[in-house]
Amino acid sequence: MHEVKVKSILSSQNRMNIYRGCSHGCIYCDARSTCYQLKHKFEDIEVKSNAVELLKNSLRSKKKKCMISTGGISDPYLHLEKQLKNTRKCLEIIDHYGFGVSIHTKSDRVLRDLDLLKSINKKSKCVVQMTLTTTDEKLCKIIEPNVCSTKRRAEVLKILHDEGIPTIVWLTPILPFINDTEENIRGLLDYCIHSSVYGIIFFNVSMTLRDGNRQYFYKKLDKHFPGIKDKYIKTYGNAYEVTSSNNKQLKNILREECHKHKIVCDSYKLFNYINTFEDKQAGIQLSFFND
């Protein structure tokens, strides 16, 4: 890891990344793409040393309360968060000033901060989003080597729900020729149903590949799935989105099961929900979509 001081921590849409880079080692990670202009080795985590101070100053001066989002590019619960506790410090500030929060993670370390998540959710809204890709735990250790198991993530989702925290699952990416099967999709849906998730985000049964990400992914395919890289090149060329040949069938299964179990699967509705601030003490809802 290395530390840097940055000029700002919140984007114009109130999103923040406390860290840059990742230690999870997911073979499909879009954040490796060169378009993000990372100036250092991806595994050499950039720690924004003044993030907590900047967030405090930003929230203290904001005229309107809103949802603060984190985890869009770098997971806020990387391994080093256990020692640094920068995410927890930011949550304490969000809680103190009465803002809402949306967290996207693959880590069960989010449970460490359950006290703050409940406090935020009591006054406003706290949403935890979690990515699930495969029910095959051996496969999980290959494509997501340094993350807790899918089964554990489902347990975390259940704990959060039971504590009153709304949860949303991203069933993406799904890797063609690897985990794009009906058995896998139904297994992931079973986890979501059992965990009583509020919603599931999926676009197509697919993944994205662009410069930087593609090269790393293909290197890992050669190591773990001999011959699959050639299938990708032959089928998709240099396409940005690589969509499974089972896309239509699997999307229909996803929609049918979500409807049957009253799980929201409309992406626009879910993004609106994630970004809509709720003042539970005053009964007010504010969304940046309406700003």
C-alpha atoms as a PDB file:
ATOM      1  CA  MET A   1       0.000   0.000   0.000  1.00  0.00           C
ATOM      2  CA  HIS A   2       0.958   3.640  -0.350  1.00  0.00           C
ATOM      3  CA  GLU A   3      -0.670   6.835   0.859  1.00  0.00           C
ATOM      4  CA  VAL A   4      -1.681   9.900  -1.143  1.00  0.00           C
ATOM      5  CA  LYS A   5      -3.480  13.117  -0.341  1.00  0.00           C
ATOM      6  CA  VAL A   6      -6.327  13.993  -2.675  1.00  0.00           C
ATOM      7  CA  LYS A   7      -8.174  17.247  -3.341  1.00  0.00           C
ATOM      8  CA  SER A   8     -11.677  15.840  -2.968  1.00  0.00           C
ATOM      9  CA  ILE A   9     -13.376  12.621  -1.908  1.00  0.00           C
ATOM     10  CA  LEU A  10     -16.967  12.966  -3.215  1.00  0.00           C
ATOM     11  CA  SER A  11     -17.944  12.975  -6.888  1.00  0.00           C
ATOM     12  CA  SER A  12     -20.730  15.182  -8.233  1.00  0.00           C
ATOM     13  CA  GLN A  13     -23.115  12.261  -7.570  1.00  0.00           C
ATOM     14  CA  ASN A  14     -21.870  11.825  -3.987  1.00  0.00           C
ATOM     15  CA  ARG A  15     -19.844   8.702  -4.665  1.00  0.00           C
ATOM     16  CA  MET A  16     -16.525   8.024  -3.018  1.00  0.00           C
ATOM     17  CA  ASN A  17     -13.687   5.533  -3.243  1.00  0.00           C
ATOM     18  CA  ILE A  18     -11.592   5.513  -0.105  1.00  0.00           C
ATOM     19  CA  TYR A  19      -9.054   3.196  -1.739  1.00  0.00           C
ATOM     20  CA  ARG A  20      -7.835   2.608  -5.290  1.00  0.00           C
ATOM     21  CA  GLY A  21      -6.700  -0.816  -6.424  1.00  0.00           C
ATOM     22  CA  CYS A  22      -7.767  -4.103  -4.884  1.00  0.00           C
ATOM     23  CA  SER A  23      -6.481  -7.167  -3.040  1.00  0.00           C
ATOM     24  CA  HIS A  24      -9.392  -9.470  -3.904  1.00  0.00           C
ATOM     25  CA  GLY A  25      -7.757 -10.820  -7.062  1.00  0.00           C
ATOM     26  CA  CYS A  26     -10.976 -11.350  -9.067  1.00  0.00           C
ATOM     27  CA  ILE A  27      -9.930 -12.433 -12.545  1.00  0.00           C
ATOM     28  CA  TYR A  28     -12.721 -10.461 -14.270  1.00  0.00           C
ATOM     29  CA  CYS A  29     -12.290  -7.097 -12.513  1.00  0.00           C
ATOM     30  CA  ASP A  30     -13.266  -4.145 -14.722  1.00  0.00           C
ATOM     31  CA  ALA A  31     -11.364  -1.761 -12.421  1.00  0.00           C
ATOM     32  CA  ARG A  32      -8.147  -3.002 -14.023  1.00  0.00           C
ATOM     33  CA  SER A  33      -9.175  -1.327 -17.277  1.00  0.00           C
ATOM     34  CA  THR A  34      -6.776   1.331 -18.521  1.00  0.00           C
ATOM     35  CA  CYS A  35      -9.621   3.850 -18.842  1.00  0.00           C
ATOM     36  CA  TYR A  36      -9.466   4.371 -15.067  1.00  0.00           C
ATOM     37  CA  GLN A  37      -5.904   5.681 -15.463  1.00  0.00           C
ATOM     38  CA  LEU A  38      -4.454   3.922 -12.456  1.00  0.00           C
ATOM     39  CA  LYS A  39      -0.848   5.089 -12.099  1.00  0.00           C
ATOM     40  CA  HIS A  40       0.345   2.286  -9.848  1.00  0.00           C
ATOM     41  CA  LYS A  41       0.263  -1.502  -9.680  1.00  0.00           C
ATOM     42  CA  PHE A  42      -3.310  -2.638  -9.095  1.00  0.00           C
ATOM     43  CA  GLU A  43      -2.419  -4.692  -6.004  1.00  0.00           C
ATOM     44  CA  ASP A  44      -0.451  -1.791  -4.499  1.00  0.00           C
ATOM     45  CA  ILE A  45      -3.459  -0.212  -2.802  1.00  0.00           C
ATOM     46  CA  GLU A  46      -3.651   3.569  -2.889  1.00  0.00           C
ATOM     47  CA  VAL A  47      -4.889   4.830   0.456  1.00  0.00           C
ATOM     48  CA  LYS A  48      -6.409   8.303   0.418  1.00  0.00           C
ATOM     49  CA  SER A  49      -4.931   9.424   3.715  1.00  0.00           C
ATOM     50  CA  ASN A  50      -7.092  12.545   4.025  1.00  0.00           C
ATOM     51  CA  ALA A  51     -10.361  10.884   2.944  1.00  0.00           C
ATOM     52  CA  VAL A  52     -11.938  11.031   6.395  1.00  0.00           C
ATOM     53  CA  GLU A  53     -11.116  14.708   6.860  1.00  0.00           C
ATOM     54  CA  LEU A  54     -12.384  15.591   3.383  1.00  0.00           C
ATOM     55  CA  LEU A  55     -15.641  13.700   3.910  1.00  0.00           C
ATOM     56  CA  LYS A  56     -16.221  15.452   7.227  1.00  0.00           C
ATOM     57  CA  ASN A  57     -15.711  18.864   5.633  1.00  0.00           C
ATOM     58  CA  SER A  58     -17.958  17.974   2.673  1.00  0.00           C
ATOM     59  CA  LEU A  59     -20.882  16.671   4.731  1.00  0.00           C
ATOM     60  CA  ARG A  60     -20.649  19.476   7.255  1.00  0.00           C
ATOM     61  CA  SER A  61     -21.064  22.041   4.466  1.00  0.00           C
ATOM     62  CA  LYS A  62     -23.769  20.277   2.412  1.00  0.00           C
ATOM     63  CA  LYS A  63     -27.109  22.088   2.346  1.00  0.00           C
ATOM     64  CA  LYS A  64     -29.159  18.955   1.630  1.00  0.00           C
ATOM     65  CA  LYS A  65     -28.855  15.446   3.009  1.00  0.00           C
ATOM     66  CA  CYS A  66     -28.309  12.679   0.473  1.00  0.00           C
ATOM     67  CA  MET A  67     -27.090   9.125  -0.006  1.00  0.00           C
ATOM     68  CA  ILE A  68     -23.322   8.616   0.022  1.00  0.00           C
ATOM     69  CA  SER A  69     -22.172   5.688  -2.120  1.00  0.00           C
ATOM     70  CA  THR A  70     -18.947   3.734  -1.814  1.00  0.00           C
ATOM     71  CA  GLY A  71     -17.522   0.641  -3.467  1.00  0.00           C
ATOM     72  CA  GLY A  72     -18.227   1.432  -7.115  1.00  0.00           C
ATOM     73  CA  ILE A  73     -14.587   1.052  -8.180  1.00  0.00           C
ATOM     74  CA  SER A  74     -12.705  -0.210  -5.123  1.00  0.00           C
ATOM     75  CA  ASP A  75     -14.219  -2.338  -2.377  1.00  0.00           C
ATOM     76  CA  PRO A  76     -14.351  -0.361   0.896  1.00  0.00           C
ATOM     77  CA  TYR A  77     -13.672  -3.560   2.845  1.00  0.00           C
ATOM     78  CA  LEU A  78     -10.316  -4.596   1.425  1.00  0.00           C
ATOM     79  CA  HIS A  79      -8.016  -6.636   3.647  1.00  0.00           C
ATOM     80  CA  LEU A  80      -6.133  -3.558   4.888  1.00  0.00           C
ATOM     81  CA  GLU A  81      -9.390  -1.971   6.095  1.00  0.00           C
ATOM     82  CA  LYS A  82      -9.185  -4.350   9.053  1.00  0.00           C
ATOM     83  CA  GLN A  83      -6.195  -2.376  10.338  1.00  0.00           C
ATOM     84  CA  LEU A  84      -6.791   1.108   8.898  1.00  0.00           C
ATOM     85  CA  LYS A  85     -10.531   1.342   9.642  1.00  0.00           C
ATOM     86  CA  ASN A  86     -10.933   4.246   7.200  1.00  0.00           C
ATOM     87  CA  THR A  87     -14.287   2.949   5.989  1.00  0.00           C
ATOM     88  CA  ARG A  88     -15.523   2.723   9.556  1.00  0.00           C
ATOM     89  CA  LYS A  89     -14.335   6.283  10.251  1.00  0.00           C
ATOM     90  CA  CYS A  90     -16.234   7.493   7.175  1.00  0.00           C
ATOM     91  CA  LEU A  91     -19.366   5.653   8.310  1.00  0.00           C
ATOM     92  CA  GLU A  92     -19.081   7.339  11.698  1.00  0.00           C
ATOM     93  CA  ILE A  93     -19.094  10.723   9.948  1.00  0.00           C
ATOM     94  CA  ILE A  94     -22.037   9.767   7.733  1.00  0.00           C
ATOM     95  CA  ASP A  95     -23.924   8.626  10.809  1.00  0.00           C
ATOM     96  CA  HIS A  96     -23.026  11.740  12.801  1.00  0.00           C
ATOM     97  CA  TYR A  97     -24.268  14.152  10.131  1.00  0.00           C
ATOM     98  CA  GLY A  98     -27.430  12.167   9.351  1.00  0.00           C
ATOM     99  CA  PHE A  99     -26.713  11.106   5.768  1.00  0.00           C
ATOM    100  CA  GLY A 100     -27.641   7.806   4.139  1.00  0.00           C
ATOM    101  CA  VAL A 101     -25.164   5.311   2.730  1.00  0.00           C
ATOM    102  CA  SER A 102     -24.951   2.690   0.008  1.00  0.00           C
ATOM    103  CA  ILE A 103     -22.101   0.185   0.221  1.00  0.00           C
ATOM    104  CA  HIS A 104     -20.983  -2.250  -2.474  1.00  0.00           C
ATOM    105  CA  THR A 105     -18.718  -5.039  -1.229  1.00  0.00           C
ATOM    106  CA  LYS A 106     -17.805  -8.712  -1.553  1.00  0.00           C
ATOM    107  CA  SER A 107     -16.455  -8.945   1.986  1.00  0.00           C
ATOM    108  CA  ASP A 108     -17.952 -10.231   5.215  1.00  0.00           C
ATOM    109  CA  ARG A 109     -15.889  -7.551   6.968  1.00  0.00           C
ATOM    110  CA  VAL A 110     -18.921  -5.328   6.464  1.00  0.00           C
ATOM    111  CA  LEU A 111     -20.428  -7.036   9.531  1.00  0.00           C
ATOM    112  CA  ARG A 112     -17.777  -5.419  11.720  1.00  0.00           C
ATOM    113  CA  ASP A 113     -19.638  -2.145  11.210  1.00  0.00           C
ATOM    114  CA  LEU A 114     -23.133  -3.494  11.764  1.00  0.00           C
ATOM    115  CA  ASP A 115     -23.632  -1.128  14.697  1.00  0.00           C
ATOM    116  CA  LEU A 116     -23.074   1.891  12.439  1.00  0.00           C
ATOM    117  CA  LEU A 117     -25.116   0.463   9.561  1.00  0.00           C
ATOM    118  CA  LYS A 118     -28.083  -0.008  11.922  1.00  0.00           C
ATOM    119  CA  SER A 119     -27.680   3.473  13.358  1.00  0.00           C
ATOM    120  CA  ILE A 120     -27.599   5.054   9.891  1.00  0.00           C
ATOM    121  CA  ASN A 121     -30.559   2.958   8.742  1.00  0.00           C
ATOM    122  CA  LYS A 122     -32.596   3.962  11.776  1.00  0.00           C
ATOM    123  CA  LYS A 123     -32.321   7.653  10.903  1.00  0.00           C
ATOM    124  CA  SER A 124     -32.015   7.453   7.134  1.00  0.00           C
ATOM    125  CA  LYS A 125     -31.250   4.508   4.852  1.00  0.00           C
ATOM    126  CA  CYS A 126     -28.370   2.079   4.614  1.00  0.00           C
ATOM    127  CA  VAL A 127     -28.238  -0.260   1.627  1.00  0.00           C
ATOM    128  CA  VAL A 128     -25.634  -3.007   1.282  1.00  0.00           C
ATOM    129  CA  GLN A 129     -24.982  -4.350  -2.196  1.00  0.00           C
ATOM    130  CA  MET A 130     -23.087  -7.587  -2.701  1.00  0.00           C
ATOM    131  CA  THR A 131     -21.838  -9.382  -5.805  1.00  0.00           C
ATOM    132  CA  LEU A 132     -22.555 -13.094  -6.266  1.00  0.00           C
ATOM    133  CA  THR A 133     -21.210 -14.967  -9.291  1.00  0.00           C
ATOM    134  CA  THR A 134     -21.095 -18.710  -8.640  1.00  0.00           C
ATOM    135  CA  THR A 135     -22.412 -21.366  -6.270  1.00  0.00           C
ATOM    136  CA  ASP A 136     -19.431 -23.596  -7.066  1.00  0.00           C
ATOM    137  CA  GLU A 137     -17.025 -22.854  -4.213  1.00  0.00           C
ATOM    138  CA  LYS A 138     -14.037 -24.384  -6.029  1.00  0.00           C
ATOM    139  CA  LEU A 139     -14.747 -22.129  -8.991  1.00  0.00           C
ATOM    140  CA  CYS A 140     -15.231 -19.187  -6.633  1.00  0.00           C
ATOM    141  CA  LYS A 141     -11.685 -19.656  -5.307  1.00  0.00           C
ATOM    142  CA  ILE A 142     -10.383 -19.475  -8.868  1.00  0.00           C
ATOM    143  CA  ILE A 143     -12.288 -16.456 -10.171  1.00  0.00           C
ATOM    144  CA  GLU A 144     -12.454 -14.594  -6.819  1.00  0.00           C
ATOM    145  CA  PRO A 145      -9.439 -16.026  -4.962  1.00  0.00           C
ATOM    146  CA  ASN A 146      -9.088 -13.630  -2.034  1.00  0.00           C
ATOM    147  CA  VAL A 147     -12.743 -13.065  -1.144  1.00  0.00           C
ATOM    148  CA  CYS A 148     -15.009 -14.894   1.283  1.00  0.00           C
ATOM    149  CA  SER A 149     -17.022 -17.738  -0.230  1.00  0.00           C
ATOM    150  CA  THR A 150     -20.348 -17.256  -1.959  1.00  0.00           C
ATOM    151  CA  LYS A 151     -22.013 -19.221   0.840  1.00  0.00           C
ATOM    152  CA  ARG A 152     -20.540 -16.831   3.399  1.00  0.00           C
ATOM    153  CA  ARG A 153     -21.699 -13.800   1.408  1.00  0.00           C
ATOM    154  CA  ALA A 154     -25.214 -15.249   1.379  1.00  0.00           C
ATOM    155  CA  GLU A 155     -24.985 -15.676   5.172  1.00  0.00           C
ATOM    156  CA  VAL A 156     -23.948 -12.032   5.459  1.00  0.00           C
ATOM    157  CA  LEU A 157     -26.944 -10.975   3.371  1.00  0.00           C
ATOM    158  CA  LYS A 158     -29.255 -12.951   5.672  1.00  0.00           C
ATOM    159  CA  ILE A 159     -27.722 -11.396   8.795  1.00  0.00           C
ATOM    160  CA  LEU A 160     -28.087  -7.906   7.364  1.00  0.00           C
ATOM    161  CA  HIS A 161     -31.718  -8.521   6.416  1.00  0.00           C
ATOM    162  CA  ASP A 162     -32.500  -9.892   9.870  1.00  0.00           C
ATOM    163  CA  GLU A 163     -30.993  -6.714  11.340  1.00  0.00           C
ATOM    164  CA  GLY A 164     -33.245  -4.552   9.167  1.00  0.00           C
ATOM    165  CA  ILE A 165     -30.650  -3.566   6.546  1.00  0.00           C
ATOM    166  CA  PRO A 166     -31.970  -3.711   2.944  1.00  0.00           C
ATOM    167  CA  THR A 167     -29.721  -5.656   0.584  1.00  0.00           C
ATOM    168  CA  ILE A 168     -29.249  -5.810  -3.169  1.00  0.00           C
ATOM    169  CA  VAL A 169     -27.358  -8.507  -5.070  1.00  0.00           C
ATOM    170  CA  TRP A 170     -25.454  -7.967  -8.298  1.00  0.00           C
ATOM    171  CA  LEU A 171     -25.626 -11.172 -10.359  1.00  0.00           C
ATOM    172  CA  THR A 172     -22.820  -9.961 -12.546  1.00  0.00           C
ATOM    173  CA  PRO A 173     -20.454 -10.703 -14.107  1.00  0.00           C
ATOM    174  CA  ILE A 174     -21.460 -14.091 -15.422  1.00  0.00           C
ATOM    175  CA  LEU A 175     -18.597 -15.534 -17.480  1.00  0.00           C
ATOM    176  CA  PRO A 176     -19.514 -17.233 -20.777  1.00  0.00           C
ATOM    177  CA  PHE A 177     -18.375 -20.867 -21.018  1.00  0.00           C
ATOM    178  CA  ILE A 178     -17.601 -20.874 -17.266  1.00  0.00           C
ATOM    179  CA  ASN A 179     -20.570 -20.124 -14.994  1.00  0.00           C
ATOM    180  CA  ASP A 180     -23.389 -19.251 -17.439  1.00  0.00           C
ATOM    181  CA  THR A 181     -25.498 -22.296 -16.630  1.00  0.00           C
ATOM    182  CA  GLU A 182     -29.076 -22.708 -15.462  1.00  0.00           C
ATOM    183  CA  GLU A 183     -27.841 -24.697 -12.462  1.00  0.00           C
ATOM    184  CA  ASN A 184     -25.630 -21.822 -11.353  1.00  0.00           C
ATOM    185  CA  ILE A 185     -28.251 -19.119 -11.890  1.00  0.00           C
ATOM    186  CA  ARG A 186     -30.913 -21.078  -9.994  1.00  0.00           C
ATOM    187  CA  GLY A 187     -28.437 -21.721  -7.191  1.00  0.00           C
ATOM    188  CA  LEU A 188     -27.625 -18.027  -6.891  1.00  0.00           C
ATOM    189  CA  LEU A 189     -31.330 -17.219  -6.929  1.00  0.00           C
ATOM    190  CA  ASP A 190     -31.869 -19.697  -4.092  1.00  0.00           C
ATOM    191  CA  TYR A 191     -29.273 -17.812  -2.045  1.00  0.00           C
ATOM    192  CA  CYS A 192     -31.047 -14.518  -2.778  1.00  0.00           C
ATOM    193  CA  ILE A 193     -34.464 -15.896  -1.893  1.00  0.00           C
ATOM    194  CA  HIS A 194     -33.257 -17.475   1.350  1.00  0.00           C
ATOM    195  CA  SER A 195     -31.478 -14.217   2.283  1.00  0.00           C
ATOM    196  CA  SER A 196     -34.625 -12.150   1.553  1.00  0.00           C
ATOM    197  CA  VAL A 197     -32.791  -9.645  -0.613  1.00  0.00           C
ATOM    198  CA  TYR A 198     -34.662  -6.502  -1.614  1.00  0.00           C
ATOM    199  CA  GLY A 199     -33.484  -6.596  -5.212  1.00  0.00           C
ATOM    200  CA  ILE A 200     -31.251  -8.203  -7.830  1.00  0.00           C
ATOM    201  CA  ILE A 201     -29.349  -6.184 -10.414  1.00  0.00           C
ATOM    202  CA  PHE A 202     -28.549  -7.873 -13.713  1.00  0.00           C
ATOM    203  CA  PHE A 203     -28.413  -6.513 -17.233  1.00  0.00           C
ATOM    204  CA  ASN A 204     -27.473  -9.400 -19.462  1.00  0.00           C
ATOM    205  CA  VAL A 205     -25.927 -12.731 -18.608  1.00  0.00           C
ATOM    206  CA  SER A 206     -22.543 -11.435 -19.607  1.00  0.00           C
ATOM    207  CA  MET A 207     -19.343  -9.677 -18.621  1.00  0.00           C
ATOM    208  CA  THR A 208     -17.405  -6.692 -19.929  1.00  0.00           C
ATOM    209  CA  LEU A 209     -13.890  -6.739 -21.348  1.00  0.00           C
ATOM    210  CA  ARG A 210     -11.809  -3.746 -22.280  1.00  0.00           C
ATOM    211  CA  ASP A 211      -8.148  -2.853 -22.514  1.00  0.00           C
ATOM    212  CA  GLY A 212      -6.255  -3.751 -19.356  1.00  0.00           C
ATOM    213  CA  ASN A 213      -9.025  -5.933 -17.994  1.00  0.00           C
ATOM    214  CA  ARG A 214      -9.052  -8.167 -21.096  1.00  0.00           C
ATOM    215  CA  GLN A 215      -5.331  -8.936 -20.984  1.00  0.00           C
ATOM    216  CA  TYR A 216      -5.420  -9.891 -17.301  1.00  0.00           C
ATOM    217  CA  PHE A 217      -8.547 -12.016 -17.742  1.00  0.00           C
ATOM    218  CA  TYR A 218      -7.076 -13.885 -20.722  1.00  0.00           C
ATOM    219  CA  LYS A 219      -3.877 -14.566 -18.784  1.00  0.00           C
ATOM    220  CA  LYS A 220      -5.949 -16.164 -16.012  1.00  0.00           C
ATOM    221  CA  LEU A 221      -8.006 -18.147 -18.527  1.00  0.00           C
ATOM    222  CA  ASP A 222      -4.802 -19.644 -19.927  1.00  0.00           C
ATOM    223  CA  LYS A 223      -3.768 -20.638 -16.416  1.00  0.00           C
ATOM    224  CA  HIS A 224      -7.044 -22.037 -15.099  1.00  0.00           C
ATOM    225  CA  PHE A 225      -9.221 -22.801 -18.160  1.00  0.00           C
ATOM    226  CA  PRO A 226      -7.018 -23.973 -21.060  1.00  0.00           C
ATOM    227  CA  GLY A 227      -8.657 -23.427 -24.449  1.00  0.00           C
ATOM    228  CA  ILE A 228     -11.361 -21.044 -23.219  1.00  0.00           C
ATOM    229  CA  LYS A 229      -9.461 -17.914 -24.270  1.00  0.00           C
ATOM    230  CA  ASP A 230      -9.559 -19.065 -27.900  1.00  0.00           C
ATOM    231  CA  LYS A 231     -13.346 -19.473 -27.609  1.00  0.00           C
ATOM    232  CA  TYR A 232     -13.625 -15.884 -26.366  1.00  0.00           C
ATOM    233  CA  ILE A 233     -11.482 -14.510 -29.181  1.00  0.00           C
ATOM    234  CA  LYS A 234     -13.326 -16.512 -31.833  1.00  0.00           C
ATOM    235  CA  THR A 235     -16.802 -15.701 -30.470  1.00  0.00           C
ATOM    236  CA  TYR A 236     -16.418 -12.082 -29.321  1.00  0.00           C
ATOM    237  CA  GLY A 237     -13.295 -10.583 -30.893  1.00  0.00           C
ATOM    238  CA  ASN A 238     -12.612  -7.308 -29.085  1.00  0.00           C
ATOM    239  CA  ALA A 239     -16.227  -6.654 -28.086  1.00  0.00           C
ATOM    240  CA  TYR A 240     -16.803  -4.628 -24.926  1.00  0.00           C
ATOM    241  CA  GLU A 241     -19.722  -6.757 -23.710  1.00  0.00           C
ATOM    242  CA  VAL A 242     -19.435 -10.509 -24.105  1.00  0.00           C
ATOM    243  CA  THR A 243     -22.870 -12.050 -23.737  1.00  0.00           C
ATOM    244  CA  SER A 244     -23.633 -15.682 -23.032  1.00  0.00           C
ATOM    245  CA  SER A 245     -25.401 -17.713 -25.708  1.00  0.00           C
ATOM    246  CA  ASN A 246     -27.761 -18.691 -22.850  1.00  0.00           C
ATOM    247  CA  ASN A 247     -28.612 -15.054 -22.155  1.00  0.00           C
ATOM    248  CA  LYS A 248     -32.276 -15.077 -23.163  1.00  0.00           C
ATOM    249  CA  GLN A 249     -33.139 -18.310 -21.349  1.00  0.00           C
ATOM    250  CA  LEU A 250     -31.322 -17.333 -18.143  1.00  0.00           C
ATOM    251  CA  LYS A 251     -32.737 -13.797 -18.084  1.00  0.00           C
ATOM    252  CA  ASN A 252     -36.239 -15.246 -18.335  1.00  0.00           C
ATOM    253  CA  ILE A 253     -35.527 -17.526 -15.371  1.00  0.00           C
ATOM    254  CA  LEU A 254     -34.214 -14.567 -13.373  1.00  0.00           C
ATOM    255  CA  ARG A 255     -37.271 -12.429 -14.098  1.00  0.00           C
ATOM    256  CA  GLU A 256     -39.732 -15.243 -13.386  1.00  0.00           C
ATOM    257  CA  GLU A 257     -38.161 -16.143 -10.048  1.00  0.00           C
ATOM    258  CA  CYS A 258     -37.856 -12.502  -8.969  1.00  0.00           C
ATOM    259  CA  HIS A 259     -41.512 -11.918  -9.776  1.00  0.00           C
ATOM    260  CA  LYS A 260     -42.556 -15.090  -7.959  1.00  0.00           C
ATOM    261  CA  HIS A 261     -40.637 -14.136  -4.807  1.00  0.00           C
ATOM    262  CA  LYS A 262     -41.344 -10.383  -4.946  1.00  0.00           C
ATOM    263  CA  ILE A 263     -37.705  -9.429  -5.495  1.00  0.00           C
ATOM    264  CA  VAL A 264     -37.249  -6.157  -7.378  1.00  0.00           C
ATOM    265  CA  CYS A 265     -35.278  -6.734 -10.591  1.00  0.00           C
ATOM    266  CA  ASP A 266     -35.935  -3.510 -12.506  1.00  0.00           C
ATOM    267  CA  SER A 267     -32.487  -1.872 -12.646  1.00  0.00           C
ATOM    268  CA  TYR A 268     -33.849   1.674 -12.952  1.00  0.00           C
ATOM    269  CA  LYS A 269     -36.062   1.200  -9.895  1.00  0.00           C
ATOM    270  CA  LEU A 270     -33.159  -0.278  -7.948  1.00  0.00           C
ATOM    271  CA  PHE A 271     -30.733   2.510  -8.846  1.00  0.00           C
ATOM    272  CA  ASN A 272     -33.389   5.044  -7.896  1.00  0.00           C
ATOM    273  CA  TYR A 273     -33.910   3.230  -4.604  1.00  0.00           C
ATOM    274  CA  ILE A 274     -30.176   3.116  -3.887  1.00  0.00           C
ATOM    275  CA  ASN A 275     -29.778   6.838  -4.538  1.00  0.00           C
ATOM    276  CA  THR A 276     -32.923   8.106  -2.829  1.00  0.00           C
ATOM    277  CA  PHE A 277     -32.280   9.641   0.579  1.00  0.00           C
ATOM    278  CA  GLU A 278     -34.854   8.963   3.281  1.00  0.00           C
ATOM    279  CA  ASP A 279     -35.163  11.051   6.418  1.00  0.00           C
ATOM    280  CA  LYS A 280     -37.078   8.570   8.548  1.00  0.00           C
ATOM    281  CA  GLN A 281     -37.373  11.023  11.404  1.00  0.00           C
ATOM    282  CA  ALA A 282     -39.019  13.622   9.190  1.00  0.00           C
ATOM    283  CA  GLY A 283     -40.623  11.320   6.604  1.00  0.00           C
ATOM    284  CA  ILE A 284     -38.760  12.931   3.694  1.00  0.00           C
ATOM    285  CA  GLN A 285     -37.376  11.274   0.553  1.00  0.00           C
ATOM    286  CA  LEU A 286     -34.906  13.068  -1.704  1.00  0.00           C
ATOM    287  CA  SER A 287     -33.347  11.627  -4.847  1.00  0.00           C
ATOM    288  CA  PHE A 288     -30.537  13.081  -6.929  1.00  0.00           C
ATOM    289  CA  PHE A 289     -32.571  12.013  -9.981  1.00  0.00           C
ATOM    290  CA  ASN A 290     -34.935  14.870  -9.092  1.00  0.00           C
ATOM    291  CA  ASP A 291     -32.268  17.492  -8.428  1.00  0.00           C
END
